[in-house]
Amino acid sequence: MMLLALDTSTRMLGLALFDGRQVLAECTWNGKGHHTQELAPEIALLLRRAGVSLDEVQAVGIATGPGSFTGLRIGMALAKGLCLSGGRALVGIPTLDILARAQPRQDGRLFVAIQAGRGRIVGMWYKWSRKGWRPEADLQVLTWEMLAAGVKPGSLICGEIDGEARRLLESAGNIRVAPPVECVRRPGWLASMAWELWRAGKTADPAKLAPIYIHTEGGRDT
């Protein structure tokens, strides 16, 4: 059995191929908004490098957002098309949960963020439980300055943190910022999470699964 994972939530695109025992192939790259032109060819290349045919893929895991309106629509449409045309199972995983899953255990809270444009971020607070990191609040749209001013000491911040934001957070003195390598949304984690739900029978109806959009003050969805 094989699962293909797709993450088109932001400009950083990701693909992975997972068989339940190992990640057979994985790639992450900055698509710079060229999701439509690049996604299908990159999937074909990923399969070819792994020596796997599309017929061997029985399930598709898709990152459901929040994220780019266009990116999410493109990824969701492709994932649903693969499932409807080939009788494959579909599993949706919230984008921020993918980043949270990769973070080490700690006593403090975790904030996971992605860029929302115009100096804003979209993020969510997580708390460690026996089952790993679990959301403890609703999604928030804010700025790095707002986050730095209101965060509790000992909190860990991860996600799409550019150089300027990293300097701001680190200068606050009471915030732990994840190293860059742990801020990358690895599609291998998405594949592993989707596999767990698929094997547990927790799949999604392609006709009903919808991206998570965030309505911002500018009247646009993120």
N, C-alpha and C. Protein backbone atom coordinates (compact mmCIF):
# COMPACT_ATOMS: atom_id res chain seq x y z
N MET A 1 0.84 -1.20 0.00
CA MET A 1 0.00 0.00 0.00
C MET A 1 0.87 1.24 0.00
N MET A 2 0.36 2.30 -0.61
CA MET A 2 1.14 3.51 -0.77
C MET A 2 0.24 4.74 -0.60
N LEU A 3 0.79 5.78 0.04
CA LEU A 3 0.05 7.04 0.21
C LEU A 3 0.89 8.18 -0.34
N LEU A 4 0.24 9.04 -1.10
CA LEU A 4 0.87 10.24 -1.64
C LEU A 4 0.39 11.44 -0.84
N ALA A 5 1.32 12.25 -0.34
CA ALA A 5 0.98 13.44 0.44
C ALA A 5 1.27 14.70 -0.35
N LEU A 6 0.34 15.66 -0.31
CA LEU A 6 0.48 16.93 -1.02
C LEU A 6 0.25 18.09 -0.06
N ASP A 7 1.15 19.06 -0.08
CA ASP A 7 0.98 20.28 0.71
C ASP A 7 1.19 21.48 -0.20
N THR A 8 0.11 22.18 -0.49
CA THR A 8 0.16 23.38 -1.34
C THR A 8 -0.35 24.60 -0.58
N SER A 9 -0.26 24.56 0.73
CA SER A 9 -0.85 25.60 1.57
C SER A 9 -0.25 26.98 1.34
N THR A 10 1.05 27.03 1.10
CA THR A 10 1.74 28.31 0.94
C THR A 10 2.68 28.23 -0.27
N ARG A 11 3.57 29.19 -0.38
CA ARG A 11 4.54 29.15 -1.48
C ARG A 11 5.49 27.97 -1.36
N MET A 12 5.68 27.46 -0.15
CA MET A 12 6.51 26.28 0.06
C MET A 12 5.67 25.03 -0.20
N LEU A 13 5.91 24.37 -1.31
CA LEU A 13 5.16 23.18 -1.69
C LEU A 13 5.88 21.93 -1.20
N GLY A 14 5.11 20.87 -0.97
CA GLY A 14 5.72 19.64 -0.49
C GLY A 14 4.99 18.41 -1.00
N LEU A 15 5.77 17.37 -1.30
CA LEU A 15 5.23 16.08 -1.73
C LEU A 15 5.98 14.97 -1.01
N ALA A 16 5.29 13.89 -0.72
CA ALA A 16 5.94 12.73 -0.11
C ALA A 16 5.21 11.46 -0.50
N LEU A 17 5.96 10.38 -0.54
CA LEU A 17 5.42 9.06 -0.82
C LEU A 17 5.76 8.16 0.35
N PHE A 18 4.72 7.52 0.92
CA PHE A 18 4.89 6.77 2.18
C PHE A 18 4.21 5.41 2.07
N ASP A 19 4.89 4.37 2.58
CA ASP A 19 4.31 3.03 2.51
C ASP A 19 3.97 2.45 3.89
N GLY A 20 3.97 3.31 4.90
CA GLY A 20 3.66 2.86 6.25
C GLY A 20 4.88 2.45 7.06
N ARG A 21 5.99 2.22 6.38
CA ARG A 21 7.24 1.84 7.05
C ARG A 21 8.33 2.87 6.86
N GLN A 22 8.31 3.51 5.69
CA GLN A 22 9.33 4.51 5.41
C GLN A 22 8.83 5.53 4.39
N VAL A 23 9.44 6.70 4.43
CA VAL A 23 9.18 7.72 3.41
C VAL A 23 10.05 7.37 2.21
N LEU A 24 9.42 6.95 1.13
CA LEU A 24 10.15 6.49 -0.05
C LEU A 24 10.72 7.65 -0.85
N ALA A 25 10.03 8.78 -0.82
CA ALA A 25 10.50 9.97 -1.54
C ALA A 25 9.83 11.19 -0.92
N GLU A 26 10.56 12.30 -0.93
CA GLU A 26 10.04 13.52 -0.32
C GLU A 26 10.72 14.72 -0.96
N CYS A 27 9.97 15.78 -1.20
CA CYS A 27 10.57 17.00 -1.72
C CYS A 27 9.79 18.22 -1.25
N THR A 28 10.52 19.29 -1.00
CA THR A 28 9.94 20.57 -0.60
C THR A 28 10.64 21.66 -1.38
N TRP A 29 9.88 22.60 -1.93
CA TRP A 29 10.49 23.67 -2.71
C TRP A 29 9.60 24.92 -2.68
N ASN A 30 10.21 26.05 -3.00
CA ASN A 30 9.49 27.31 -3.07
C ASN A 30 8.89 27.44 -4.46
N GLY A 31 7.58 27.28 -4.54
CA GLY A 31 6.92 27.33 -5.84
C GLY A 31 6.70 28.73 -6.37
N LYS A 32 6.87 29.74 -5.52
CA LYS A 32 6.74 31.15 -5.92
C LYS A 32 5.43 31.41 -6.65
N GLY A 33 4.38 30.71 -6.23
CA GLY A 33 3.06 30.94 -6.80
C GLY A 33 2.77 30.16 -8.07
N HIS A 34 3.71 29.31 -8.52
CA HIS A 34 3.51 28.57 -9.77
C HIS A 34 2.95 27.17 -9.50
N HIS A 35 1.98 27.09 -8.61
CA HIS A 35 1.43 25.79 -8.23
C HIS A 35 0.86 25.03 -9.42
N THR A 36 0.09 25.72 -10.26
CA THR A 36 -0.58 25.06 -11.38
C THR A 36 0.41 24.41 -12.33
N GLN A 37 1.49 25.13 -12.66
CA GLN A 37 2.45 24.62 -13.63
C GLN A 37 3.35 23.53 -13.06
N GLU A 38 3.62 23.58 -11.77
CA GLU A 38 4.65 22.71 -11.21
C GLU A 38 4.15 21.44 -10.53
N LEU A 39 2.94 21.48 -9.99
CA LEU A 39 2.52 20.39 -9.11
C LEU A 39 2.44 19.03 -9.80
N ALA A 40 1.70 18.93 -10.89
CA ALA A 40 1.55 17.64 -11.57
C ALA A 40 2.88 17.09 -12.07
N PRO A 41 3.73 17.90 -12.73
CA PRO A 41 5.04 17.38 -13.16
C PRO A 41 5.91 16.91 -12.00
N GLU A 42 5.85 17.62 -10.86
CA GLU A 42 6.66 17.22 -9.71
C GLU A 42 6.16 15.90 -9.11
N ILE A 43 4.85 15.68 -9.14
CA ILE A 43 4.31 14.40 -8.66
C ILE A 43 4.82 13.27 -9.55
N ALA A 44 4.77 13.48 -10.86
CA ALA A 44 5.26 12.47 -11.80
C ALA A 44 6.74 12.18 -11.56
N LEU A 45 7.52 13.24 -11.31
CA LEU A 45 8.95 13.07 -11.05
C LEU A 45 9.19 12.32 -9.74
N LEU A 46 8.42 12.65 -8.72
CA LEU A 46 8.55 11.97 -7.42
C LEU A 46 8.29 10.48 -7.56
N LEU A 47 7.23 10.13 -8.27
CA LEU A 47 6.89 8.71 -8.47
C LEU A 47 7.98 8.00 -9.25
N ARG A 48 8.49 8.67 -10.29
CA ARG A 48 9.52 8.05 -11.12
C ARG A 48 10.80 7.81 -10.32
N ARG A 49 11.19 8.77 -9.49
CA ARG A 49 12.39 8.60 -8.68
C ARG A 49 12.24 7.48 -7.66
N ALA A 50 11.03 7.28 -7.17
CA ALA A 50 10.79 6.23 -6.19
C ALA A 50 10.56 4.87 -6.84
N GLY A 51 10.44 4.87 -8.17
CA GLY A 51 10.18 3.63 -8.88
C GLY A 51 8.78 3.10 -8.63
N VAL A 52 7.85 4.02 -8.47
CA VAL A 52 6.46 3.66 -8.15
C VAL A 52 5.53 4.21 -9.23
N SER A 53 4.53 3.44 -9.60
CA SER A 53 3.53 3.93 -10.56
C SER A 53 2.35 4.51 -9.80
N LEU A 54 1.60 5.38 -10.45
CA LEU A 54 0.43 5.99 -9.81
C LEU A 54 -0.59 4.93 -9.43
N ASP A 55 -0.65 3.84 -10.18
CA ASP A 55 -1.59 2.76 -9.87
C ASP A 55 -1.32 2.12 -8.52
N GLU A 56 -0.10 2.25 -8.02
CA GLU A 56 0.25 1.66 -6.72
C GLU A 56 -0.16 2.54 -5.54
N VAL A 57 -0.58 3.76 -5.82
CA VAL A 57 -1.00 4.69 -4.77
C VAL A 57 -2.47 4.47 -4.45
N GLN A 58 -2.75 4.10 -3.20
CA GLN A 58 -4.13 3.83 -2.80
C GLN A 58 -4.78 4.94 -1.99
N ALA A 59 -4.00 5.93 -1.56
CA ALA A 59 -4.56 7.00 -0.74
C ALA A 59 -3.80 8.30 -0.99
N VAL A 60 -4.48 9.41 -0.74
CA VAL A 60 -3.88 10.73 -0.90
C VAL A 60 -4.12 11.54 0.37
N GLY A 61 -3.05 12.10 0.92
CA GLY A 61 -3.17 12.99 2.07
C GLY A 61 -2.96 14.42 1.60
N ILE A 62 -3.83 15.32 2.01
CA ILE A 62 -3.76 16.70 1.56
C ILE A 62 -3.78 17.66 2.75
N ALA A 63 -2.91 18.66 2.73
CA ALA A 63 -2.93 19.71 3.75
C ALA A 63 -4.11 20.62 3.47
N THR A 64 -4.96 20.83 4.46
CA THR A 64 -6.23 21.53 4.24
C THR A 64 -6.20 23.02 4.58
N GLY A 65 -5.05 23.53 5.04
CA GLY A 65 -4.99 24.94 5.38
C GLY A 65 -5.02 25.15 6.88
N PRO A 66 -4.93 26.42 7.28
CA PRO A 66 -5.04 27.63 6.46
C PRO A 66 -3.84 27.83 5.56
N GLY A 67 -4.01 28.75 4.62
CA GLY A 67 -2.94 29.03 3.70
C GLY A 67 -3.40 29.87 2.54
N SER A 68 -2.65 29.83 1.46
CA SER A 68 -2.97 30.61 0.26
C SER A 68 -4.28 30.14 -0.35
N PHE A 69 -5.17 31.08 -0.65
CA PHE A 69 -6.46 30.74 -1.24
C PHE A 69 -6.27 29.95 -2.53
N THR A 70 -5.43 30.47 -3.43
CA THR A 70 -5.21 29.80 -4.70
C THR A 70 -4.48 28.48 -4.53
N GLY A 71 -3.44 28.48 -3.70
CA GLY A 71 -2.67 27.25 -3.48
C GLY A 71 -3.51 26.12 -2.93
N LEU A 72 -4.34 26.43 -1.95
CA LEU A 72 -5.20 25.41 -1.36
C LEU A 72 -6.19 24.86 -2.38
N ARG A 73 -6.77 25.73 -3.17
CA ARG A 73 -7.74 25.29 -4.18
C ARG A 73 -7.09 24.36 -5.19
N ILE A 74 -5.88 24.71 -5.63
CA ILE A 74 -5.19 23.88 -6.63
C ILE A 74 -4.86 22.51 -6.05
N GLY A 75 -4.29 22.49 -4.86
CA GLY A 75 -3.93 21.22 -4.24
C GLY A 75 -5.14 20.36 -3.94
N MET A 76 -6.20 20.97 -3.43
CA MET A 76 -7.40 20.23 -3.10
C MET A 76 -8.04 19.64 -4.36
N ALA A 77 -8.08 20.42 -5.43
CA ALA A 77 -8.67 19.94 -6.67
C ALA A 77 -7.90 18.75 -7.23
N LEU A 78 -6.57 18.83 -7.19
CA LEU A 78 -5.75 17.73 -7.70
C LEU A 78 -5.92 16.49 -6.84
N ALA A 79 -5.90 16.66 -5.52
CA ALA A 79 -6.05 15.52 -4.62
C ALA A 79 -7.40 14.84 -4.82
N LYS A 80 -8.45 15.63 -4.93
CA LYS A 80 -9.78 15.06 -5.14
C LYS A 80 -9.87 14.37 -6.49
N GLY A 81 -9.24 14.96 -7.50
CA GLY A 81 -9.25 14.34 -8.82
C GLY A 81 -8.56 12.99 -8.82
N LEU A 82 -7.43 12.90 -8.13
CA LEU A 82 -6.72 11.62 -8.03
C LEU A 82 -7.57 10.57 -7.33
N CYS A 83 -8.31 10.99 -6.32
CA CYS A 83 -9.12 10.04 -5.55
C CYS A 83 -10.37 9.61 -6.32
N LEU A 84 -11.04 10.56 -6.94
CA LEU A 84 -12.27 10.24 -7.65
C LEU A 84 -12.00 9.43 -8.92
N SER A 85 -10.89 9.72 -9.59
CA SER A 85 -10.59 9.01 -10.84
C SER A 85 -10.02 7.62 -10.60
N GLY A 86 -9.36 7.44 -9.46
CA GLY A 86 -8.70 6.16 -9.21
C GLY A 86 -9.24 5.37 -8.04
N GLY A 87 -10.35 5.82 -7.46
CA GLY A 87 -10.93 5.11 -6.33
C GLY A 87 -10.04 5.12 -5.10
N ARG A 88 -9.27 6.18 -4.94
CA ARG A 88 -8.35 6.26 -3.80
C ARG A 88 -9.00 6.92 -2.59
N ALA A 89 -8.48 6.61 -1.42
CA ALA A 89 -8.96 7.23 -0.19
C ALA A 89 -8.38 8.64 -0.07
N LEU A 90 -9.14 9.54 0.55
CA LEU A 90 -8.70 10.92 0.74
C LEU A 90 -8.66 11.24 2.23
N VAL A 91 -7.56 11.84 2.66
CA VAL A 91 -7.39 12.23 4.06
C VAL A 91 -6.92 13.68 4.13
N GLY A 92 -7.61 14.49 4.92
CA GLY A 92 -7.23 15.88 5.09
C GLY A 92 -6.56 16.12 6.43
N ILE A 93 -5.48 16.89 6.43
CA ILE A 93 -4.75 17.22 7.65
C ILE A 93 -4.56 18.74 7.72
N PRO A 94 -4.98 19.39 8.82
CA PRO A 94 -4.76 20.83 8.96
C PRO A 94 -3.27 21.18 8.85
N THR A 95 -2.98 22.23 8.12
CA THR A 95 -1.60 22.61 7.84
C THR A 95 -0.77 22.87 9.09
N LEU A 96 -1.34 23.59 10.05
CA LEU A 96 -0.58 23.93 11.26
C LEU A 96 -0.28 22.69 12.09
N ASP A 97 -1.15 21.69 12.03
CA ASP A 97 -0.91 20.45 12.78
C ASP A 97 0.34 19.73 12.29
N ILE A 98 0.65 19.89 11.00
CA ILE A 98 1.84 19.25 10.44
C ILE A 98 3.10 19.80 11.09
N LEU A 99 3.16 21.12 11.23
CA LEU A 99 4.30 21.75 11.87
C LEU A 99 4.37 21.39 13.35
N ALA A 100 3.22 21.36 14.01
CA ALA A 100 3.19 21.04 15.44
C ALA A 100 3.69 19.62 15.69
N ARG A 101 3.31 18.70 14.83
CA ARG A 101 3.67 17.30 15.01
C ARG A 101 5.19 17.11 15.05
N ALA A 102 5.92 17.95 14.36
CA ALA A 102 7.37 17.80 14.26
C ALA A 102 8.13 18.41 15.43
N GLN A 103 7.44 19.13 16.32
CA GLN A 103 8.14 19.81 17.40
C GLN A 103 8.35 18.91 18.61
N PRO A 104 9.47 19.07 19.31
CA PRO A 104 9.75 18.23 20.48
C PRO A 104 8.84 18.58 21.65
N ARG A 105 8.70 17.65 22.55
CA ARG A 105 7.88 17.86 23.73
C ARG A 105 8.50 18.93 24.63
N GLN A 106 7.63 19.76 25.23
CA GLN A 106 8.10 20.73 26.21
C GLN A 106 6.92 21.11 27.11
N ASP A 107 7.24 21.71 28.25
CA ASP A 107 6.21 22.07 29.22
C ASP A 107 5.43 23.31 28.82
N GLY A 108 6.08 24.24 28.13
CA GLY A 108 5.41 25.47 27.74
C GLY A 108 4.48 25.28 26.55
N ARG A 109 3.89 26.37 26.12
CA ARG A 109 2.98 26.34 24.98
C ARG A 109 3.76 26.47 23.67
N LEU A 110 3.09 26.08 22.60
CA LEU A 110 3.67 26.13 21.26
C LEU A 110 2.77 26.98 20.37
N PHE A 111 3.38 27.91 19.64
CA PHE A 111 2.62 28.69 18.66
C PHE A 111 3.16 28.37 17.28
N VAL A 112 2.27 27.97 16.39
CA VAL A 112 2.64 27.61 15.02
C VAL A 112 2.08 28.67 14.08
N ALA A 113 2.92 29.19 13.20
CA ALA A 113 2.49 30.29 12.33
C ALA A 113 2.88 30.07 10.88
N ILE A 114 2.07 30.62 9.99
CA ILE A 114 2.42 30.71 8.58
C ILE A 114 2.17 32.15 8.14
N GLN A 115 2.84 32.57 7.07
CA GLN A 115 2.70 33.92 6.56
C GLN A 115 1.32 34.11 5.92
N ALA A 116 0.71 35.28 6.18
CA ALA A 116 -0.60 35.58 5.60
C ALA A 116 -0.56 36.80 4.69
N GLY A 117 0.63 37.36 4.46
CA GLY A 117 0.77 38.51 3.60
C GLY A 117 0.49 39.82 4.31
N ARG A 118 1.00 40.91 3.74
CA ARG A 118 0.79 42.25 4.28
C ARG A 118 1.26 42.37 5.73
N GLY A 119 2.32 41.66 6.06
CA GLY A 119 2.88 41.74 7.40
C GLY A 119 2.14 40.96 8.46
N ARG A 120 1.17 40.15 8.04
CA ARG A 120 0.38 39.38 8.99
C ARG A 120 0.78 37.91 8.98
N ILE A 121 0.40 37.24 10.05
CA ILE A 121 0.58 35.79 10.15
C ILE A 121 -0.74 35.17 10.60
N VAL A 122 -0.90 33.91 10.27
CA VAL A 122 -2.02 33.11 10.78
C VAL A 122 -1.42 32.04 11.66
N GLY A 123 -1.93 31.89 12.86
CA GLY A 123 -1.33 30.91 13.76
C GLY A 123 -2.30 30.34 14.77
N MET A 124 -1.79 29.39 15.55
CA MET A 124 -2.61 28.73 16.56
C MET A 124 -1.72 28.28 17.71
N TRP A 125 -2.28 28.34 18.92
CA TRP A 125 -1.58 27.87 20.11
C TRP A 125 -1.86 26.39 20.33
N TYR A 126 -0.81 25.67 20.74
CA TYR A 126 -0.91 24.24 21.04
C TYR A 126 -0.39 23.98 22.46
N LYS A 127 -0.90 22.90 23.04
CA LYS A 127 -0.44 22.47 24.35
C LYS A 127 -0.13 20.98 24.29
N TRP A 128 0.94 20.55 24.99
CA TRP A 128 1.33 19.15 24.97
C TRP A 128 0.37 18.30 25.78
N SER A 129 -0.02 17.15 25.23
CA SER A 129 -0.86 16.19 25.93
C SER A 129 -0.27 14.80 25.75
N ARG A 130 -0.91 13.81 26.29
CA ARG A 130 -0.42 12.44 26.15
C ARG A 130 -0.42 11.98 24.70
N LYS A 131 -1.21 12.64 23.87
CA LYS A 131 -1.28 12.30 22.46
C LYS A 131 -0.48 13.26 21.59
N GLY A 132 0.40 14.03 22.24
CA GLY A 132 1.22 14.97 21.48
C GLY A 132 0.65 16.38 21.54
N TRP A 133 1.08 17.23 20.63
CA TRP A 133 0.60 18.61 20.60
C TRP A 133 -0.85 18.67 20.14
N ARG A 134 -1.68 19.37 20.91
CA ARG A 134 -3.10 19.52 20.58
C ARG A 134 -3.47 21.00 20.61
N PRO A 135 -4.31 21.45 19.65
CA PRO A 135 -4.72 22.86 19.65
C PRO A 135 -5.47 23.19 20.94
N GLU A 136 -5.21 24.40 21.46
CA GLU A 136 -5.92 24.82 22.66
C GLU A 136 -6.65 26.15 22.46
N ALA A 137 -6.64 26.67 21.24
CA ALA A 137 -7.33 27.92 20.96
C ALA A 137 -7.67 27.97 19.47
N ASP A 138 -8.48 28.96 19.09
CA ASP A 138 -8.86 29.12 17.70
C ASP A 138 -7.72 29.75 16.89
N LEU A 139 -7.85 29.69 15.59
CA LEU A 139 -6.90 30.35 14.71
C LEU A 139 -6.89 31.85 14.96
N GLN A 140 -5.72 32.45 14.83
CA GLN A 140 -5.58 33.89 15.02
C GLN A 140 -4.90 34.51 13.81
N VAL A 141 -5.32 35.72 13.47
CA VAL A 141 -4.64 36.52 12.46
C VAL A 141 -4.05 37.72 13.19
N LEU A 142 -2.73 37.85 13.16
CA LEU A 142 -2.05 38.91 13.90
C LEU A 142 -0.72 39.23 13.24
N THR A 143 0.07 40.08 13.89
CA THR A 143 1.41 40.42 13.38
C THR A 143 2.45 39.83 14.32
N TRP A 144 3.70 39.78 13.85
CA TRP A 144 4.78 39.28 14.71
C TRP A 144 4.94 40.18 15.93
N GLU A 145 4.73 41.49 15.75
CA GLU A 145 4.85 42.41 16.87
C GLU A 145 3.80 42.11 17.94
N MET A 146 2.58 41.83 17.51
CA MET A 146 1.51 41.51 18.45
C MET A 146 1.82 40.21 19.19
N LEU A 147 2.35 39.24 18.46
CA LEU A 147 2.70 37.96 19.09
C LEU A 147 3.81 38.15 20.12
N ALA A 148 4.86 38.87 19.74
CA ALA A 148 5.99 39.07 20.65
C ALA A 148 5.57 39.81 21.91
N ALA A 149 4.62 40.73 21.78
CA ALA A 149 4.20 41.53 22.93
C ALA A 149 3.33 40.74 23.90
N GLY A 150 2.63 39.72 23.39
CA GLY A 150 1.68 39.03 24.26
C GLY A 150 2.03 37.61 24.64
N VAL A 151 3.16 37.09 24.16
CA VAL A 151 3.50 35.70 24.42
C VAL A 151 3.99 35.50 25.86
N LYS A 152 3.68 34.34 26.41
CA LYS A 152 4.11 34.02 27.77
C LYS A 152 5.55 33.50 27.76
N PRO A 153 6.32 33.77 28.82
CA PRO A 153 7.70 33.28 28.90
C PRO A 153 7.77 31.76 28.75
N GLY A 154 8.78 31.30 28.03
CA GLY A 154 8.96 29.86 27.86
C GLY A 154 8.23 29.26 26.68
N SER A 155 7.44 30.06 25.99
CA SER A 155 6.70 29.55 24.83
C SER A 155 7.66 29.28 23.67
N LEU A 156 7.29 28.32 22.84
CA LEU A 156 8.07 27.97 21.65
C LEU A 156 7.31 28.43 20.42
N ILE A 157 8.00 29.12 19.51
CA ILE A 157 7.40 29.60 18.28
C ILE A 157 8.05 28.89 17.10
N CYS A 158 7.23 28.41 16.16
CA CYS A 158 7.78 27.76 14.97
C CYS A 158 6.91 28.10 13.77
N GLY A 159 7.42 27.81 12.60
CA GLY A 159 6.64 28.04 11.39
C GLY A 159 7.40 28.87 10.37
N GLU A 160 6.67 29.62 9.57
CA GLU A 160 7.27 30.42 8.51
C GLU A 160 7.81 31.72 9.10
N ILE A 161 8.98 31.65 9.68
CA ILE A 161 9.60 32.78 10.37
C ILE A 161 10.75 33.30 9.50
N ASP A 162 10.57 34.49 8.94
CA ASP A 162 11.65 35.05 8.13
C ASP A 162 12.71 35.68 9.03
N GLY A 163 13.78 36.19 8.42
CA GLY A 163 14.88 36.72 9.20
C GLY A 163 14.49 37.88 10.10
N GLU A 164 13.68 38.79 9.59
CA GLU A 164 13.25 39.94 10.38
C GLU A 164 12.41 39.51 11.57
N ALA A 165 11.48 38.58 11.34
CA ALA A 165 10.64 38.10 12.43
C ALA A 165 11.46 37.35 13.47
N ARG A 166 12.44 36.59 13.01
CA ARG A 166 13.29 35.85 13.96
C ARG A 166 14.06 36.81 14.86
N ARG A 167 14.58 37.87 14.29
CA ARG A 167 15.30 38.87 15.09
C ARG A 167 14.37 39.53 16.11
N LEU A 168 13.16 39.83 15.69
CA LEU A 168 12.18 40.45 16.59
C LEU A 168 11.84 39.53 17.75
N LEU A 169 11.56 38.27 17.45
CA LEU A 169 11.17 37.32 18.49
C LEU A 169 12.32 37.05 19.45
N GLU A 170 13.51 36.87 18.90
CA GLU A 170 14.67 36.57 19.76
C GLU A 170 15.05 37.76 20.64
N SER A 171 14.79 38.97 20.16
CA SER A 171 15.11 40.15 20.96
C SER A 171 14.15 40.34 22.12
N ALA A 172 12.99 39.68 22.06
CA ALA A 172 12.03 39.79 23.16
C ALA A 172 12.57 39.16 24.44
N GLY A 173 13.46 38.18 24.28
CA GLY A 173 14.15 37.62 25.44
C GLY A 173 13.43 36.53 26.20
N ASN A 174 12.13 36.42 26.05
CA ASN A 174 11.38 35.42 26.81
C ASN A 174 10.74 34.38 25.91
N ILE A 175 11.19 34.34 24.66
CA ILE A 175 10.57 33.46 23.67
C ILE A 175 11.61 32.50 23.10
N ARG A 176 11.24 31.23 23.00
CA ARG A 176 12.09 30.25 22.33
C ARG A 176 11.64 30.15 20.88
N VAL A 177 12.57 30.31 19.97
CA VAL A 177 12.26 30.24 18.54
C VAL A 177 12.88 28.97 17.98
N ALA A 178 12.07 28.15 17.32
CA ALA A 178 12.57 26.90 16.75
C ALA A 178 13.63 27.19 15.70
N PRO A 179 14.67 26.36 15.60
CA PRO A 179 15.69 26.56 14.56
C PRO A 179 15.07 26.41 13.17
N PRO A 180 15.67 27.02 12.17
CA PRO A 180 15.10 27.00 10.82
C PRO A 180 14.75 25.60 10.31
N VAL A 181 15.58 24.61 10.60
CA VAL A 181 15.33 23.27 10.09
C VAL A 181 14.04 22.68 10.66
N GLU A 182 13.64 23.12 11.85
CA GLU A 182 12.41 22.62 12.46
C GLU A 182 11.20 23.48 12.12
N CYS A 183 11.43 24.50 11.30
CA CYS A 183 10.33 25.37 10.87
C CYS A 183 9.84 25.01 9.47
N VAL A 184 10.45 24.02 8.85
CA VAL A 184 10.04 23.58 7.52
C VAL A 184 8.89 22.58 7.66
N ARG A 185 7.81 22.79 6.91
CA ARG A 185 6.68 21.85 6.90
C ARG A 185 7.06 20.65 6.04
N ARG A 186 7.51 19.61 6.69
CA ARG A 186 7.94 18.43 5.94
C ARG A 186 6.74 17.59 5.52
N PRO A 187 6.60 17.31 4.22
CA PRO A 187 5.49 16.49 3.76
C PRO A 187 5.56 15.06 4.27
N GLY A 188 6.74 14.63 4.73
CA GLY A 188 6.83 13.30 5.32
C GLY A 188 5.97 13.19 6.57
N TRP A 189 5.91 14.27 7.36
CA TRP A 189 5.03 14.27 8.54
C TRP A 189 3.57 14.23 8.12
N LEU A 190 3.23 14.99 7.11
CA LEU A 190 1.87 14.96 6.58
C LEU A 190 1.50 13.55 6.15
N ALA A 191 2.41 12.88 5.45
CA ALA A 191 2.15 11.52 4.98
C ALA A 191 1.93 10.57 6.14
N SER A 192 2.76 10.68 7.17
CA SER A 192 2.63 9.80 8.34
C SER A 192 1.30 10.03 9.06
N MET A 193 0.92 11.29 9.24
CA MET A 193 -0.34 11.61 9.91
C MET A 193 -1.54 11.12 9.10
N ALA A 194 -1.48 11.33 7.79
CA ALA A 194 -2.58 10.89 6.93
C ALA A 194 -2.68 9.37 6.91
N TRP A 195 -1.53 8.70 6.94
CA TRP A 195 -1.53 7.24 6.96
C TRP A 195 -2.25 6.71 8.20
N GLU A 196 -1.96 7.30 9.35
CA GLU A 196 -2.60 6.87 10.60
C GLU A 196 -4.12 6.96 10.51
N LEU A 197 -4.61 8.07 9.98
CA LEU A 197 -6.06 8.25 9.86
C LEU A 197 -6.65 7.30 8.82
N TRP A 198 -5.95 7.13 7.72
CA TRP A 198 -6.43 6.22 6.67
C TRP A 198 -6.57 4.81 7.19
N ARG A 199 -5.54 4.30 7.87
CA ARG A 199 -5.59 2.94 8.38
C ARG A 199 -6.61 2.79 9.50
N ALA A 200 -6.98 3.90 10.14
CA ALA A 200 -8.01 3.87 11.19
C ALA A 200 -9.41 4.05 10.60
N GLY A 201 -9.49 4.17 9.28
CA GLY A 201 -10.79 4.32 8.62
C GLY A 201 -11.35 5.73 8.67
N LYS A 202 -10.51 6.70 9.03
CA LYS A 202 -10.97 8.09 9.16
C LYS A 202 -10.62 8.88 7.90
N THR A 203 -11.33 8.56 6.84
CA THR A 203 -11.09 9.22 5.56
C THR A 203 -12.15 10.30 5.32
N ALA A 204 -11.91 11.12 4.31
CA ALA A 204 -12.81 12.23 4.00
C ALA A 204 -13.60 11.95 2.73
N ASP A 205 -14.78 12.54 2.65
CA ASP A 205 -15.59 12.48 1.45
C ASP A 205 -15.09 13.57 0.50
N PRO A 206 -14.61 13.21 -0.69
CA PRO A 206 -14.10 14.22 -1.62
C PRO A 206 -15.11 15.32 -1.93
N ALA A 207 -16.39 14.99 -1.87
CA ALA A 207 -17.42 15.99 -2.17
C ALA A 207 -17.61 16.98 -1.04
N LYS A 208 -17.13 16.63 0.16
CA LYS A 208 -17.38 17.48 1.33
C LYS A 208 -16.13 18.13 1.91
N LEU A 209 -14.96 17.55 1.68
CA LEU A 209 -13.74 18.11 2.26
C LEU A 209 -13.47 19.49 1.66
N ALA A 210 -13.28 20.48 2.53
CA ALA A 210 -13.08 21.86 2.08
C ALA A 210 -11.83 22.45 2.72
N PRO A 211 -11.16 23.35 2.03
CA PRO A 211 -9.98 24.01 2.61
C PRO A 211 -10.38 24.91 3.78
N ILE A 212 -9.43 25.20 4.65
CA ILE A 212 -9.65 26.11 5.76
C ILE A 212 -9.16 27.49 5.33
N TYR A 213 -10.11 28.39 5.11
CA TYR A 213 -9.77 29.76 4.73
C TYR A 213 -9.95 30.67 5.94
N ILE A 214 -9.14 31.71 6.00
CA ILE A 214 -9.24 32.70 7.07
C ILE A 214 -9.61 34.03 6.45
N HIS A 215 -10.70 34.63 6.94
CA HIS A 215 -11.13 35.93 6.43
C HIS A 215 -10.39 37.02 7.16
N THR A 216 -9.66 37.84 6.44
CA THR A 216 -8.87 38.91 7.04
C THR A 216 -9.53 40.27 6.82
N GLU A 217 -8.98 41.29 7.46
CA GLU A 217 -9.60 42.61 7.45
C GLU A 217 -9.71 43.21 6.06
N GLY A 218 -8.83 42.82 5.18
CA GLY A 218 -8.85 43.38 3.83
C GLY A 218 -9.98 42.85 2.98
N GLY A 219 -10.79 41.93 3.54
CA GLY A 219 -11.90 41.38 2.80
C GLY A 219 -11.51 40.22 1.92
N ARG A 220 -10.27 39.75 2.05
CA ARG A 220 -9.80 38.63 1.24
C ARG A 220 -9.61 37.42 2.12
N ASP A 221 -9.79 36.25 1.51
CA ASP A 221 -9.57 35.02 2.24
C ASP A 221 -8.11 34.64 2.16
N THR A 222 -7.60 34.08 3.26
CA THR A 222 -6.23 33.62 3.32
C THR A 222 -6.23 32.12 3.56
